[in-house]
Amino acid sequence: MGESKKEHLKDLLESFDTAMFITRHDDHEHARPMAIAGVDDANTLWFVTSQDAPKSDEIRADSRAAVTLQSNTRYVALSGRATLVDDRQKIHELWKPTWKAWFPNGKDDPKLVLIRVTVTDAEFWDNAGTKGIRYAFEAAKAFVTGEPAAPASGQHGRVKSGNGGEPLSQH
């Protein structure tokens, strides 16, 4: 495979529009679907929210976060740290006109803030393309013959931080 796991992870992240963004609230996790505002690299995902949203309070209280993404053939699970970022230049760079439904004053709405998730641990499963077709064939064959299906032959990878809170590096 010519592409590194980290490059493959970035490509996977860019293929998704929406993710489950998970924060901590007291002693439990709080998950909600959110549109992905941007992907800088395999280390950084961006979301948008309001300064006074409950998730903003959760991030201020505990920066630990997780993100999960899923399609029919691709799955990604990320862990990291979430930070609220009030950077007007970055907001202008990421701005999408559909956000006006939540921020009627546009990109300069003072309540609008970004969430930067710095990824420290990532795991992915990719059964798209020809590997996904082969897996579908193997699953169909198993159904017909009654024999167990062979494990998925797609790509699986893990990219992990060498140090608890540092951005991830390829391992």
N, C-alpha and C. Protein backbone atom coordinates (compact mmCIF):
# COMPACT_ATOMS: atom_id res chain seq x y z
N MET A 1 0.86 -1.19 0.00
CA MET A 1 0.00 0.00 0.00
C MET A 1 0.89 1.23 0.00
N GLY A 2 0.81 2.05 -1.07
CA GLY A 2 1.66 3.23 -1.19
C GLY A 2 1.25 4.34 -0.24
N GLU A 3 0.00 4.38 0.12
CA GLU A 3 -0.51 5.44 0.96
C GLU A 3 -0.33 5.06 2.43
N SER A 4 0.16 6.00 3.23
CA SER A 4 0.31 5.72 4.66
C SER A 4 -1.06 5.63 5.33
N LYS A 5 -1.08 5.00 6.50
CA LYS A 5 -2.33 4.89 7.26
C LYS A 5 -2.88 6.28 7.57
N LYS A 6 -1.98 7.21 7.88
CA LYS A 6 -2.41 8.56 8.23
C LYS A 6 -3.05 9.25 7.02
N GLU A 7 -2.46 9.10 5.83
CA GLU A 7 -3.04 9.68 4.63
C GLU A 7 -4.38 9.04 4.31
N HIS A 8 -4.46 7.71 4.49
CA HIS A 8 -5.71 7.01 4.23
C HIS A 8 -6.80 7.49 5.20
N LEU A 9 -6.43 7.67 6.46
CA LEU A 9 -7.38 8.18 7.44
C LEU A 9 -7.90 9.55 7.03
N LYS A 10 -7.02 10.44 6.60
CA LYS A 10 -7.44 11.78 6.16
C LYS A 10 -8.43 11.67 5.01
N ASP A 11 -8.12 10.82 4.02
CA ASP A 11 -9.03 10.63 2.89
C ASP A 11 -10.40 10.12 3.36
N LEU A 12 -10.37 9.18 4.30
CA LEU A 12 -11.64 8.67 4.85
C LEU A 12 -12.43 9.78 5.52
N LEU A 13 -11.77 10.57 6.36
CA LEU A 13 -12.45 11.64 7.08
C LEU A 13 -13.10 12.62 6.11
N GLU A 14 -12.39 12.93 5.02
CA GLU A 14 -12.92 13.87 4.04
C GLU A 14 -14.10 13.31 3.26
N SER A 15 -14.33 12.00 3.32
CA SER A 15 -15.44 11.39 2.58
C SER A 15 -16.77 11.46 3.35
N PHE A 16 -16.74 11.90 4.59
CA PHE A 16 -17.94 11.98 5.42
C PHE A 16 -18.44 13.41 5.54
N ASP A 17 -19.77 13.58 5.62
CA ASP A 17 -20.39 14.89 5.84
C ASP A 17 -20.78 15.08 7.30
N THR A 18 -21.12 13.97 7.96
CA THR A 18 -21.68 14.02 9.30
C THR A 18 -20.97 13.00 10.19
N ALA A 19 -20.89 13.32 11.47
CA ALA A 19 -20.28 12.42 12.44
C ALA A 19 -21.08 12.45 13.73
N MET A 20 -20.89 11.43 14.53
CA MET A 20 -21.41 11.47 15.90
C MET A 20 -20.29 12.08 16.74
N PHE A 21 -20.58 13.21 17.36
CA PHE A 21 -19.61 13.92 18.20
C PHE A 21 -19.99 13.64 19.65
N ILE A 22 -19.03 13.13 20.42
CA ILE A 22 -19.32 12.65 21.77
C ILE A 22 -18.48 13.41 22.79
N THR A 23 -19.16 14.02 23.75
CA THR A 23 -18.50 14.73 24.84
C THR A 23 -18.89 14.06 26.15
N ARG A 24 -18.32 14.54 27.22
CA ARG A 24 -18.65 14.01 28.55
C ARG A 24 -19.52 15.04 29.28
N HIS A 25 -20.54 14.51 29.94
CA HIS A 25 -21.42 15.33 30.77
C HIS A 25 -21.55 14.62 32.11
N ASP A 26 -20.97 15.21 33.13
CA ASP A 26 -20.92 14.57 34.45
C ASP A 26 -20.26 13.20 34.32
N ASP A 27 -21.00 12.15 34.62
CA ASP A 27 -20.39 10.82 34.62
C ASP A 27 -20.79 9.98 33.40
N HIS A 28 -21.33 10.60 32.36
CA HIS A 28 -21.71 9.83 31.17
C HIS A 28 -21.34 10.57 29.88
N GLU A 29 -21.38 9.84 28.77
CA GLU A 29 -21.10 10.44 27.47
C GLU A 29 -22.39 11.01 26.88
N HIS A 30 -22.21 12.05 26.08
CA HIS A 30 -23.34 12.68 25.41
C HIS A 30 -22.99 12.73 23.92
N ALA A 31 -23.74 11.99 23.11
CA ALA A 31 -23.48 11.93 21.67
C ALA A 31 -24.57 12.66 20.90
N ARG A 32 -24.14 13.29 19.80
CA ARG A 32 -25.10 13.94 18.93
C ARG A 32 -24.51 13.99 17.52
N PRO A 33 -25.37 13.88 16.48
CA PRO A 33 -24.86 13.99 15.11
C PRO A 33 -24.53 15.45 14.81
N MET A 34 -23.42 15.65 14.13
CA MET A 34 -23.01 17.01 13.76
C MET A 34 -22.40 16.99 12.37
N ALA A 35 -22.66 18.07 11.62
CA ALA A 35 -22.03 18.24 10.32
C ALA A 35 -20.55 18.53 10.53
N ILE A 36 -19.73 17.94 9.71
CA ILE A 36 -18.29 18.20 9.78
C ILE A 36 -18.03 19.50 9.02
N ALA A 37 -17.44 20.46 9.70
CA ALA A 37 -17.14 21.75 9.08
C ALA A 37 -15.89 21.68 8.23
N GLY A 38 -14.92 20.87 8.64
CA GLY A 38 -13.69 20.77 7.87
C GLY A 38 -12.75 19.73 8.46
N VAL A 39 -11.79 19.34 7.64
CA VAL A 39 -10.74 18.39 8.03
C VAL A 39 -9.42 19.02 7.61
N ASP A 40 -8.56 19.33 8.57
CA ASP A 40 -7.26 19.90 8.22
C ASP A 40 -6.28 18.81 7.81
N ASP A 41 -6.26 17.75 8.57
CA ASP A 41 -5.41 16.60 8.31
C ASP A 41 -5.97 15.46 9.15
N ALA A 42 -5.25 14.35 9.24
CA ALA A 42 -5.76 13.23 10.02
C ALA A 42 -5.81 13.56 11.50
N ASN A 43 -5.18 14.66 11.91
CA ASN A 43 -5.13 15.07 13.31
C ASN A 43 -6.23 16.02 13.72
N THR A 44 -6.90 16.67 12.79
CA THR A 44 -7.77 17.78 13.15
C THR A 44 -9.09 17.78 12.39
N LEU A 45 -10.18 17.72 13.15
CA LEU A 45 -11.54 17.86 12.62
C LEU A 45 -12.14 19.13 13.18
N TRP A 46 -13.00 19.76 12.40
CA TRP A 46 -13.67 20.99 12.83
C TRP A 46 -15.19 20.81 12.80
N PHE A 47 -15.85 21.37 13.81
CA PHE A 47 -17.30 21.45 13.88
C PHE A 47 -17.65 22.89 14.24
N VAL A 48 -18.91 23.25 14.11
CA VAL A 48 -19.35 24.59 14.47
C VAL A 48 -20.47 24.47 15.50
N THR A 49 -20.49 25.43 16.42
CA THR A 49 -21.54 25.44 17.44
C THR A 49 -21.71 26.87 17.95
N SER A 50 -22.53 27.01 18.95
CA SER A 50 -22.76 28.30 19.59
C SER A 50 -22.00 28.34 20.93
N GLN A 51 -21.52 29.52 21.26
CA GLN A 51 -20.80 29.70 22.54
C GLN A 51 -21.63 29.21 23.72
N ASP A 52 -22.96 29.38 23.63
CA ASP A 52 -23.80 29.05 24.78
C ASP A 52 -24.52 27.70 24.65
N ALA A 53 -24.10 26.86 23.71
CA ALA A 53 -24.70 25.54 23.56
C ALA A 53 -24.24 24.63 24.70
N PRO A 54 -25.07 23.69 25.12
CA PRO A 54 -24.67 22.75 26.17
C PRO A 54 -23.35 22.03 25.86
N LYS A 55 -23.13 21.69 24.59
CA LYS A 55 -21.87 20.99 24.26
C LYS A 55 -20.66 21.88 24.51
N SER A 56 -20.82 23.19 24.37
CA SER A 56 -19.72 24.12 24.67
C SER A 56 -19.38 24.07 26.16
N ASP A 57 -20.40 24.03 26.99
CA ASP A 57 -20.18 23.91 28.44
C ASP A 57 -19.50 22.58 28.77
N GLU A 58 -19.93 21.51 28.09
CA GLU A 58 -19.32 20.19 28.32
C GLU A 58 -17.84 20.20 27.94
N ILE A 59 -17.51 20.84 26.84
CA ILE A 59 -16.10 20.92 26.40
C ILE A 59 -15.28 21.75 27.39
N ARG A 60 -15.85 22.83 27.88
CA ARG A 60 -15.13 23.66 28.85
C ARG A 60 -14.85 22.87 30.13
N ALA A 61 -15.78 21.99 30.51
CA ALA A 61 -15.63 21.22 31.75
C ALA A 61 -14.71 20.01 31.58
N ASP A 62 -14.68 19.42 30.39
CA ASP A 62 -13.88 18.22 30.15
C ASP A 62 -13.61 18.14 28.64
N SER A 63 -12.38 18.30 28.25
CA SER A 63 -12.05 18.38 26.82
C SER A 63 -12.00 17.03 26.11
N ARG A 64 -12.11 15.93 26.85
CA ARG A 64 -12.08 14.62 26.19
C ARG A 64 -13.28 14.48 25.26
N ALA A 65 -13.01 13.98 24.05
CA ALA A 65 -14.07 13.84 23.06
C ALA A 65 -13.81 12.61 22.21
N ALA A 66 -14.87 12.12 21.59
CA ALA A 66 -14.77 11.03 20.64
C ALA A 66 -15.63 11.39 19.44
N VAL A 67 -15.27 10.82 18.30
CA VAL A 67 -16.01 11.05 17.07
C VAL A 67 -16.12 9.70 16.37
N THR A 68 -17.33 9.36 15.93
CA THR A 68 -17.50 8.14 15.14
C THR A 68 -18.16 8.50 13.82
N LEU A 69 -17.73 7.79 12.77
CA LEU A 69 -18.25 8.03 11.43
C LEU A 69 -18.54 6.68 10.80
N GLN A 70 -19.65 6.59 10.05
CA GLN A 70 -20.03 5.31 9.47
C GLN A 70 -20.76 5.50 8.16
N SER A 71 -20.41 4.66 7.18
CA SER A 71 -21.18 4.53 5.95
C SER A 71 -21.44 3.03 5.77
N ASN A 72 -21.92 2.64 4.62
CA ASN A 72 -22.17 1.21 4.40
C ASN A 72 -20.90 0.39 4.38
N THR A 73 -19.77 1.00 4.01
CA THR A 73 -18.53 0.24 3.85
C THR A 73 -17.34 0.84 4.58
N ARG A 74 -17.52 1.97 5.23
CA ARG A 74 -16.40 2.64 5.89
C ARG A 74 -16.80 3.03 7.31
N TYR A 75 -15.84 2.84 8.24
CA TYR A 75 -16.10 3.12 9.65
C TYR A 75 -14.84 3.75 10.24
N VAL A 76 -15.02 4.77 11.07
CA VAL A 76 -13.89 5.42 11.73
C VAL A 76 -14.30 5.72 13.17
N ALA A 77 -13.39 5.46 14.10
CA ALA A 77 -13.59 5.80 15.51
C ALA A 77 -12.38 6.61 15.96
N LEU A 78 -12.62 7.81 16.48
CA LEU A 78 -11.56 8.72 16.89
C LEU A 78 -11.70 9.08 18.36
N SER A 79 -10.58 9.29 19.02
CA SER A 79 -10.55 9.86 20.37
C SER A 79 -9.62 11.06 20.33
N GLY A 80 -9.90 12.03 21.17
CA GLY A 80 -9.03 13.20 21.20
C GLY A 80 -9.48 14.23 22.19
N ARG A 81 -9.06 15.45 21.93
CA ARG A 81 -9.39 16.59 22.78
C ARG A 81 -10.14 17.64 21.97
N ALA A 82 -11.22 18.15 22.53
CA ALA A 82 -12.00 19.20 21.88
C ALA A 82 -11.68 20.54 22.51
N THR A 83 -11.57 21.54 21.66
CA THR A 83 -11.28 22.90 22.11
C THR A 83 -12.21 23.85 21.39
N LEU A 84 -12.77 24.81 22.11
CA LEU A 84 -13.56 25.87 21.47
C LEU A 84 -12.59 26.90 20.91
N VAL A 85 -12.79 27.26 19.63
CA VAL A 85 -11.87 28.17 18.95
C VAL A 85 -12.67 29.32 18.36
N ASP A 86 -12.41 30.53 18.84
CA ASP A 86 -13.07 31.73 18.33
C ASP A 86 -12.07 32.45 17.42
N ASP A 87 -11.90 31.90 16.23
CA ASP A 87 -10.95 32.43 15.25
C ASP A 87 -11.75 32.85 14.03
N ARG A 88 -11.99 34.16 13.89
CA ARG A 88 -12.84 34.67 12.80
C ARG A 88 -12.29 34.32 11.42
N GLN A 89 -10.98 34.30 11.26
CA GLN A 89 -10.40 33.94 9.97
C GLN A 89 -10.73 32.47 9.63
N LYS A 90 -10.59 31.58 10.58
CA LYS A 90 -10.90 30.17 10.35
C LYS A 90 -12.40 29.99 10.12
N ILE A 91 -13.23 30.72 10.84
CA ILE A 91 -14.68 30.67 10.64
C ILE A 91 -15.01 31.09 9.21
N HIS A 92 -14.41 32.18 8.74
CA HIS A 92 -14.65 32.64 7.37
C HIS A 92 -14.19 31.59 6.36
N GLU A 93 -13.07 30.93 6.64
CA GLU A 93 -12.53 29.89 5.76
C GLU A 93 -13.48 28.69 5.65
N LEU A 94 -14.08 28.29 6.77
CA LEU A 94 -14.92 27.10 6.81
C LEU A 94 -16.40 27.39 6.54
N TRP A 95 -16.81 28.65 6.58
CA TRP A 95 -18.22 29.04 6.52
C TRP A 95 -18.96 28.34 5.38
N LYS A 96 -20.17 27.86 5.71
CA LYS A 96 -21.09 27.27 4.73
C LYS A 96 -22.41 28.03 4.83
N PRO A 97 -22.99 28.44 3.70
CA PRO A 97 -24.23 29.22 3.73
C PRO A 97 -25.36 28.55 4.52
N THR A 98 -25.39 27.23 4.59
CA THR A 98 -26.46 26.54 5.34
C THR A 98 -26.40 26.84 6.83
N TRP A 99 -25.25 27.27 7.32
CA TRP A 99 -25.13 27.58 8.75
C TRP A 99 -25.97 28.80 9.14
N LYS A 100 -26.39 29.57 8.14
CA LYS A 100 -27.17 30.77 8.42
C LYS A 100 -28.49 30.43 9.12
N ALA A 101 -28.97 29.20 8.97
CA ALA A 101 -30.19 28.77 9.67
C ALA A 101 -29.99 28.83 11.18
N TRP A 102 -28.78 28.58 11.65
CA TRP A 102 -28.49 28.61 13.09
C TRP A 102 -27.81 29.91 13.52
N PHE A 103 -27.18 30.56 12.56
CA PHE A 103 -26.47 31.82 12.85
C PHE A 103 -26.94 32.88 11.86
N PRO A 104 -28.11 33.49 12.14
CA PRO A 104 -28.71 34.43 11.18
C PRO A 104 -27.84 35.65 10.88
N ASN A 105 -26.91 35.98 11.78
CA ASN A 105 -26.02 37.11 11.53
C ASN A 105 -24.81 36.72 10.69
N GLY A 106 -24.82 35.48 10.19
CA GLY A 106 -23.76 35.05 9.29
C GLY A 106 -22.46 34.73 10.00
N LYS A 107 -21.39 34.76 9.22
CA LYS A 107 -20.08 34.36 9.74
C LYS A 107 -19.57 35.25 10.86
N ASP A 108 -20.14 36.42 10.98
CA ASP A 108 -19.68 37.33 12.04
C ASP A 108 -20.58 37.28 13.28
N ASP A 109 -21.47 36.32 13.33
CA ASP A 109 -22.32 36.14 14.51
C ASP A 109 -21.42 35.92 15.73
N PRO A 110 -21.55 36.76 16.75
CA PRO A 110 -20.65 36.64 17.90
C PRO A 110 -20.81 35.35 18.69
N LYS A 111 -21.94 34.66 18.53
CA LYS A 111 -22.12 33.39 19.26
C LYS A 111 -21.47 32.20 18.55
N LEU A 112 -21.16 32.37 17.27
CA LEU A 112 -20.60 31.29 16.48
C LEU A 112 -19.16 31.00 16.93
N VAL A 113 -18.89 29.74 17.19
CA VAL A 113 -17.55 29.32 17.60
C VAL A 113 -17.27 27.96 16.96
N LEU A 114 -16.02 27.70 16.72
CA LEU A 114 -15.61 26.41 16.16
C LEU A 114 -15.23 25.45 17.27
N ILE A 115 -15.40 24.18 16.99
CA ILE A 115 -14.88 23.13 17.85
C ILE A 115 -13.75 22.46 17.07
N ARG A 116 -12.57 22.50 17.61
CA ARG A 116 -11.44 21.79 17.00
C ARG A 116 -11.24 20.51 17.79
N VAL A 117 -11.28 19.38 17.11
CA VAL A 117 -10.98 18.10 17.74
C VAL A 117 -9.58 17.69 17.28
N THR A 118 -8.67 17.64 18.23
CA THR A 118 -7.32 17.17 17.96
C THR A 118 -7.29 15.68 18.27
N VAL A 119 -7.10 14.89 17.22
CA VAL A 119 -7.20 13.44 17.32
C VAL A 119 -5.93 12.86 17.93
N THR A 120 -6.10 12.01 18.93
CA THR A 120 -4.96 11.34 19.55
C THR A 120 -4.94 9.85 19.26
N ASP A 121 -6.09 9.28 18.87
CA ASP A 121 -6.18 7.86 18.61
C ASP A 121 -7.26 7.65 17.55
N ALA A 122 -6.95 6.86 16.53
CA ALA A 122 -7.92 6.63 15.47
C ALA A 122 -7.85 5.19 15.00
N GLU A 123 -9.01 4.65 14.69
CA GLU A 123 -9.06 3.32 14.12
C GLU A 123 -10.08 3.35 12.98
N PHE A 124 -9.74 2.69 11.87
CA PHE A 124 -10.66 2.70 10.74
C PHE A 124 -10.74 1.33 10.09
N TRP A 125 -11.89 1.12 9.44
CA TRP A 125 -12.15 -0.07 8.65
C TRP A 125 -12.69 0.43 7.32
N ASP A 126 -12.10 0.00 6.23
CA ASP A 126 -12.50 0.49 4.91
C ASP A 126 -12.69 -0.69 3.97
N ASN A 127 -13.94 -1.00 3.69
CA ASN A 127 -14.27 -2.08 2.77
C ASN A 127 -14.87 -1.53 1.49
N ALA A 128 -14.50 -0.31 1.10
CA ALA A 128 -15.02 0.32 -0.11
C ALA A 128 -14.26 -0.18 -1.33
N GLY A 129 -14.78 0.13 -2.49
CA GLY A 129 -14.10 -0.19 -3.74
C GLY A 129 -14.08 -1.69 -4.01
N THR A 130 -13.03 -2.15 -4.68
CA THR A 130 -12.95 -3.56 -5.06
C THR A 130 -12.89 -4.47 -3.86
N LYS A 131 -12.29 -4.01 -2.76
CA LYS A 131 -12.24 -4.85 -1.55
C LYS A 131 -13.64 -5.04 -0.99
N GLY A 132 -14.46 -4.00 -1.07
CA GLY A 132 -15.84 -4.11 -0.60
C GLY A 132 -16.66 -5.05 -1.48
N ILE A 133 -16.41 -5.02 -2.79
CA ILE A 133 -17.11 -5.92 -3.70
C ILE A 133 -16.71 -7.36 -3.39
N ARG A 134 -15.41 -7.58 -3.15
CA ARG A 134 -14.95 -8.93 -2.83
C ARG A 134 -15.59 -9.41 -1.52
N TYR A 135 -15.68 -8.54 -0.52
CA TYR A 135 -16.30 -8.93 0.74
C TYR A 135 -17.78 -9.26 0.54
N ALA A 136 -18.49 -8.47 -0.26
CA ALA A 136 -19.90 -8.75 -0.54
C ALA A 136 -20.04 -10.11 -1.21
N PHE A 137 -19.12 -10.42 -2.14
CA PHE A 137 -19.14 -11.72 -2.79
C PHE A 137 -18.92 -12.84 -1.77
N GLU A 138 -17.93 -12.67 -0.89
CA GLU A 138 -17.64 -13.68 0.13
C GLU A 138 -18.83 -13.87 1.07
N ALA A 139 -19.50 -12.78 1.44
CA ALA A 139 -20.66 -12.87 2.33
C ALA A 139 -21.81 -13.60 1.63
N ALA A 140 -22.03 -13.29 0.35
CA ALA A 140 -23.09 -13.97 -0.41
C ALA A 140 -22.77 -15.46 -0.54
N LYS A 141 -21.51 -15.77 -0.82
CA LYS A 141 -21.09 -17.17 -0.94
C LYS A 141 -21.34 -17.90 0.39
N ALA A 142 -21.02 -17.26 1.50
CA ALA A 142 -21.22 -17.87 2.81
C ALA A 142 -22.71 -18.13 3.06
N PHE A 143 -23.55 -17.19 2.65
CA PHE A 143 -24.99 -17.33 2.84
C PHE A 143 -25.51 -18.55 2.07
N VAL A 144 -25.04 -18.69 0.83
CA VAL A 144 -25.50 -19.79 -0.02
C VAL A 144 -24.97 -21.14 0.46
N THR A 145 -23.69 -21.20 0.84
CA THR A 145 -23.08 -22.47 1.22
C THR A 145 -23.31 -22.85 2.68
N GLY A 146 -23.68 -21.88 3.50
CA GLY A 146 -23.85 -22.14 4.92
C GLY A 146 -22.53 -22.14 5.68
N GLU A 147 -21.43 -21.84 5.00
CA GLU A 147 -20.10 -21.76 5.65
C GLU A 147 -19.90 -20.34 6.17
N PRO A 148 -19.14 -20.18 7.26
CA PRO A 148 -18.88 -18.83 7.77
C PRO A 148 -18.12 -17.99 6.74
N ALA A 149 -18.43 -16.70 6.71
CA ALA A 149 -17.74 -15.78 5.80
C ALA A 149 -16.31 -15.56 6.28
N ALA A 150 -15.43 -15.36 5.32
CA ALA A 150 -14.05 -15.01 5.65
C ALA A 150 -14.04 -13.59 6.22
N PRO A 151 -13.07 -13.27 7.06
CA PRO A 151 -13.00 -11.91 7.59
C PRO A 151 -12.90 -10.89 6.45
N ALA A 152 -13.39 -9.69 6.72
CA ALA A 152 -13.34 -8.62 5.71
C ALA A 152 -11.91 -8.42 5.24
N SER A 153 -11.76 -8.28 3.92
CA SER A 153 -10.42 -8.13 3.36
C SER A 153 -10.08 -6.67 3.10
N GLY A 154 -10.89 -5.75 3.56
CA GLY A 154 -10.62 -4.33 3.35
C GLY A 154 -9.46 -3.86 4.21
N GLN A 155 -9.25 -2.57 4.16
CA GLN A 155 -8.16 -2.00 4.95
C GLN A 155 -8.62 -1.73 6.37
N HIS A 156 -7.77 -2.07 7.31
CA HIS A 156 -7.99 -1.75 8.70
C HIS A 156 -6.72 -1.09 9.18
N GLY A 157 -6.86 -0.04 9.94
CA GLY A 157 -5.66 0.63 10.43
C GLY A 157 -5.90 1.30 11.75
N ARG A 158 -4.80 1.52 12.43
CA ARG A 158 -4.85 2.25 13.69
C ARG A 158 -3.72 3.26 13.67
N VAL A 159 -4.04 4.47 14.05
CA VAL A 159 -3.07 5.54 14.15
C VAL A 159 -3.23 6.08 15.55
N LYS A 160 -2.14 6.12 16.29
CA LYS A 160 -2.24 6.44 17.72
C LYS A 160 -1.18 7.44 18.11
N SER A 161 -1.51 8.25 19.09
CA SER A 161 -0.57 9.19 19.67
C SER A 161 0.46 8.44 20.49
N GLY A 162 1.67 8.92 20.46
CA GLY A 162 2.71 8.33 21.29
C GLY A 162 2.62 8.82 22.72
N ASN A 163 1.87 9.90 22.95
CA ASN A 163 1.79 10.52 24.26
C ASN A 163 0.36 10.98 24.48
N GLY A 164 -0.30 10.46 25.49
CA GLY A 164 -1.69 10.71 25.83
C GLY A 164 -2.43 11.83 25.15
N GLY A 165 -1.98 13.06 25.21
CA GLY A 165 -2.74 14.16 24.67
C GLY A 165 -2.14 14.76 23.41
N GLU A 166 -1.08 14.19 22.90
CA GLU A 166 -0.44 14.74 21.70
C GLU A 166 -1.20 14.29 20.46
N PRO A 167 -1.09 15.07 19.36
CA PRO A 167 -1.73 14.64 18.12
C PRO A 167 -1.16 13.28 17.68
N LEU A 168 -1.95 12.58 16.87
CA LEU A 168 -1.55 11.23 16.52
C LEU A 168 -0.36 11.17 15.58
N SER A 169 0.33 10.06 15.64
CA SER A 169 1.41 9.75 14.72
C SER A 169 1.18 8.32 14.25
N GLN A 170 1.78 7.97 13.14
CA GLN A 170 1.54 6.63 12.60
C GLN A 170 2.31 5.59 13.40
N HIS A 171 1.64 4.54 13.84
CA HIS A 171 2.25 3.42 14.58
C HIS A 171 1.99 2.15 13.85
